[in-house]
Protein backbone atom coordinates (compact mmCIF):
# COMPACT_ATOMS: atom_id res chain seq x y z
CA MET A 1 7.89 -20.45 -95.91
CA ALA A 2 7.70 -24.24 -95.80
CA PHE A 3 9.40 -26.26 -93.05
CA ARG A 4 10.84 -29.64 -93.98
CA SER A 5 11.29 -31.01 -90.43
CA ARG A 6 10.04 -30.76 -86.87
CA LYS A 7 13.57 -29.77 -85.88
CA GLN A 8 13.19 -26.49 -87.76
CA ILE A 9 9.83 -25.81 -86.06
CA ARG A 10 11.30 -26.45 -82.60
CA LEU A 11 14.20 -24.13 -83.40
CA LEU A 12 11.82 -21.36 -84.46
CA ILE A 13 9.77 -21.74 -81.26
CA PHE A 14 12.96 -21.62 -79.17
CA LEU A 15 14.14 -18.44 -80.92
CA LEU A 16 10.72 -16.81 -80.37
CA MET A 17 10.84 -17.69 -76.66
CA VAL A 18 14.36 -16.26 -76.32
CA GLY A 19 13.26 -13.09 -78.07
CA ALA A 20 10.24 -12.71 -75.80
CA ALA A 21 12.37 -13.25 -72.68
CA TYR A 22 14.85 -10.64 -73.86
CA CYS A 23 12.06 -8.11 -74.37
CA VAL A 24 10.71 -8.72 -70.84
CA LEU A 25 14.18 -8.31 -69.33
CA PHE A 26 14.79 -5.14 -71.33
CA VAL A 27 11.52 -3.56 -70.18
CA ALA A 28 12.15 -4.59 -66.55
CA SER A 29 15.71 -3.27 -66.53
CA ASP A 30 14.57 -0.04 -68.17
CA GLY A 31 12.00 0.43 -65.41
CA LEU A 32 14.61 -0.36 -62.77
CA ARG A 33 16.96 2.22 -64.25
CA ALA A 34 14.17 4.80 -64.10
CA GLN A 35 13.29 4.03 -60.46
CA GLY A 36 16.85 3.43 -59.27
CA PHE A 37 18.21 0.50 -57.30
CA PRO A 38 16.90 0.07 -53.72
CA GLU A 39 19.05 1.74 -51.07
CA PRO A 40 17.94 0.46 -47.64
CA LYS A 41 19.45 2.33 -44.70
CA PRO A 42 20.02 1.18 -41.11
CA THR A 43 17.11 2.02 -38.82
CA GLU A 44 16.95 2.65 -35.08
CA ASP A 45 16.61 -1.12 -34.62
CA HIS A 46 20.10 -1.54 -36.11
CA ASN A 47 21.64 0.38 -33.20
CA VAL A 48 21.97 -2.96 -31.43
CA PHE A 49 24.63 -3.91 -33.96
CA ALA A 50 26.43 -0.58 -33.60
CA GLN A 51 26.80 -1.00 -29.83
CA ASN A 52 28.07 -4.54 -30.33
CA LYS A 53 30.75 -3.59 -32.84
CA GLY A 54 34.35 -4.20 -31.77
CA THR A 55 36.55 -6.82 -30.12
CA TRP A 56 35.29 -8.59 -27.00
CA LEU A 57 37.21 -10.87 -24.64
CA HIS A 58 35.07 -13.52 -22.95
CA GLU A 59 35.46 -15.29 -19.61
CA ILE A 60 33.35 -18.39 -20.19
CA LYS A 61 31.76 -20.96 -17.90
CA MET A 62 30.30 -24.11 -19.48
CA TYR A 63 28.08 -26.38 -17.39
CA LEU A 64 28.92 -29.70 -19.03
CA SER A 65 27.66 -31.65 -15.97
CA GLY A 66 24.45 -29.67 -15.64
CA PRO A 67 23.69 -26.27 -14.09
CA ASN A 68 24.38 -27.57 -10.56
CA GLY A 69 27.77 -29.04 -11.44
CA SER A 70 31.12 -27.33 -11.38
CA PRO A 71 31.63 -25.22 -14.51
CA THR A 72 34.48 -25.70 -16.95
CA LYS A 73 36.18 -22.40 -17.69
CA PHE A 74 37.42 -21.16 -21.04
CA GLN A 75 38.51 -17.91 -22.63
CA GLY A 76 37.20 -16.69 -25.96
CA LYS A 77 37.60 -13.81 -28.37
CA GLU A 78 34.77 -12.27 -30.37
CA GLU A 79 35.24 -9.96 -33.34
CA VAL A 80 32.12 -8.02 -34.37
CA LYS A 81 31.94 -5.85 -37.47
CA LEU A 82 29.17 -4.19 -39.44
CA VAL A 83 28.72 -5.26 -43.07
CA SER A 84 26.52 -4.29 -46.02
CA GLY A 85 26.32 -0.64 -45.01
CA GLY A 86 25.48 -1.39 -41.39
CA LEU A 87 22.41 -3.49 -42.22
CA TYR A 88 24.03 -6.63 -40.81
CA GLN A 89 26.55 -7.63 -38.18
CA GLN A 90 29.14 -10.35 -38.70
CA ILE A 91 30.49 -12.11 -35.62
CA ASP A 92 33.61 -14.27 -35.62
CA PHE A 93 34.18 -16.17 -32.37
CA ARG A 94 37.08 -18.37 -31.28
CA MET A 95 37.68 -20.32 -28.08
CA GLU A 96 40.60 -22.52 -27.12
CA MET A 97 39.54 -25.98 -25.92
CA PRO A 98 41.66 -28.95 -24.72
CA ASN A 99 41.71 -30.84 -28.03
CA ARG A 100 41.06 -28.14 -30.63
CA GLU A 101 39.91 -24.61 -31.20
CA PHE A 102 36.21 -23.82 -31.35
CA GLU A 103 35.36 -21.51 -34.25
CA GLY A 104 31.93 -20.00 -34.83
CA HIS A 105 30.43 -17.38 -37.15
CA PHE A 106 27.15 -15.49 -36.92
CA LEU A 107 25.56 -13.25 -39.54
CA SER A 108 22.42 -11.41 -38.47
CA GLY A 109 20.19 -8.49 -39.39
CA TYR A 110 16.87 -6.88 -38.54
CA ASN A 111 13.82 -7.71 -40.65
CA PRO A 112 11.42 -4.70 -40.51
CA LYS A 113 8.55 -6.68 -42.02
CA ALA A 114 8.77 -9.50 -39.46
CA LYS A 115 9.80 -7.01 -36.74
CA GLN A 116 12.47 -9.35 -35.44
CA TYR A 117 16.18 -9.99 -35.53
CA GLN A 118 17.18 -12.92 -37.72
CA GLY A 119 20.49 -14.65 -38.17
CA THR A 120 22.37 -17.85 -38.92
CA TRP A 121 25.06 -19.41 -36.76
CA VAL A 122 27.64 -21.95 -38.00
CA ASP A 123 30.61 -23.54 -36.25
CA ASN A 124 33.15 -26.34 -36.59
CA PHE A 125 31.37 -28.62 -34.09
CA THR A 126 28.28 -29.33 -36.22
CA HIS A 127 27.20 -29.80 -39.84
CA ALA A 128 23.85 -28.09 -39.28
CA PRO A 129 23.53 -24.28 -39.43
CA CYS A 130 21.37 -22.80 -36.68
CA ARG A 131 18.78 -20.18 -37.58
CA LEU A 132 17.98 -17.76 -34.74
CA THR A 133 15.20 -15.18 -34.41
CA GLY A 134 14.22 -12.85 -31.62
CA LYS A 135 13.61 -9.39 -30.21
CA TYR A 136 15.47 -6.66 -28.36
CA ASP A 137 14.26 -5.24 -25.05
CA GLY A 138 15.43 -1.63 -24.93
CA GLN A 139 14.67 -1.17 -21.24
CA GLU A 140 16.62 -4.24 -20.19
CA LYS A 141 19.22 -3.72 -22.95
CA GLN A 142 18.75 -7.38 -23.74
CA LEU A 143 18.65 -9.31 -27.01
CA ILE A 144 16.90 -12.68 -26.78
CA LEU A 145 17.23 -15.12 -29.70
CA LEU A 146 15.57 -18.52 -30.09
CA GLY A 147 16.55 -21.36 -32.39
CA THR A 148 16.94 -25.09 -32.90
CA VAL A 149 20.35 -26.76 -32.65
CA GLN A 150 21.61 -30.30 -33.11
CA ASP A 151 23.61 -32.12 -30.47
CA LEU A 152 26.49 -34.48 -31.28
CA ARG A 153 24.01 -37.33 -31.83
CA GLY A 154 21.90 -35.33 -34.27
CA ASN A 155 19.04 -34.70 -31.82
CA GLU A 156 17.30 -31.36 -32.20
CA LEU A 157 17.18 -29.10 -29.13
CA GLN A 158 15.51 -25.77 -28.55
CA GLN A 159 18.00 -23.10 -27.54
CA LYS A 160 17.72 -19.59 -26.13
CA GLN A 161 20.56 -17.08 -26.30
CA VAL A 162 20.48 -13.97 -24.12
CA THR A 163 22.88 -11.03 -24.56
CA THR A 164 22.68 -8.24 -21.96
CA TRP A 165 24.67 -5.00 -22.23
CA MET A 166 25.63 -3.55 -18.83
CA ASP A 167 27.42 -0.57 -20.40
CA GLU A 168 29.40 0.30 -23.54
CA LYS A 169 32.30 -1.98 -22.61
CA THR A 170 30.65 -4.81 -20.66
CA LYS A 171 28.10 -7.44 -21.62
CA SER A 172 27.00 -10.91 -20.60
CA PHE A 173 26.04 -13.82 -22.80
CA GLU A 174 24.02 -16.88 -21.76
CA ILE A 175 22.88 -20.01 -23.57
CA PHE A 176 19.96 -22.10 -22.31
CA HIS A 177 18.44 -25.35 -23.50
CA VAL A 178 14.65 -24.93 -23.41
CA PHE A 179 12.31 -27.80 -22.57
CA GLN A 180 8.55 -28.01 -22.39
CA GLN A 181 7.21 -29.81 -19.30
CA GLY A 182 3.45 -29.85 -19.60
CA ASP A 183 2.36 -26.22 -19.78
CA LYS A 184 5.59 -25.03 -18.20
CA GLU A 185 8.72 -23.92 -20.05
CA ILE A 186 11.99 -24.86 -18.38
CA SER A 187 15.30 -23.20 -19.26
CA VAL A 188 18.51 -25.01 -18.31
CA LEU A 189 21.69 -22.96 -18.26
CA LEU A 190 24.36 -24.43 -20.54
CA MET A 191 26.88 -21.61 -20.79
CA GLU A 192 27.47 -18.11 -19.49
CA SER A 193 30.16 -15.55 -20.12
CA LYS A 194 31.16 -12.04 -19.19
CA ALA A 195 32.76 -10.02 -21.96
CA THR A 196 34.72 -6.79 -21.97
CA LYS A 197 35.36 -4.66 -25.04
CA GLN A 198 38.97 -3.95 -25.99
């Protein structure tokens, strides 16, 4: 068969590439059908999410003038639900402030390969999502997450979040800004709250 133009040659090459791609996809999908789709199940490490599930009312103290200043008090409401078959927890948090409502959302899960909890926080006070990672201390019933946040000027700050469960219906939540001073790590309390489950 004789080709009269380069256009016909390019078209033939394109059709051969499409055909090859289709064959690869067909073989891959056939193998996937034989093996079945992955069905990950919650592990013991996901029990942290199960105990956190529900509606929590927060009594909040924010140290806007520093940890030694008088705190500003707020009330907040946290809705926690399990999603994706219990592999992840979704947190929706709201807090009334003088000028507007604070609204934040947190989606997190446990990564067995990295052996750590991982999540992303977003809220209506910043453009930059905050990625948090950390570990759970079963003896202390404490989840400690670390991440980098941006202040209102766009400066990056290291942050530590500590959640401690006292019992099934009571927990505390603290946020610290973390600074490095020489070889010493300094944590400055920014916010603390006591929450009760409804």
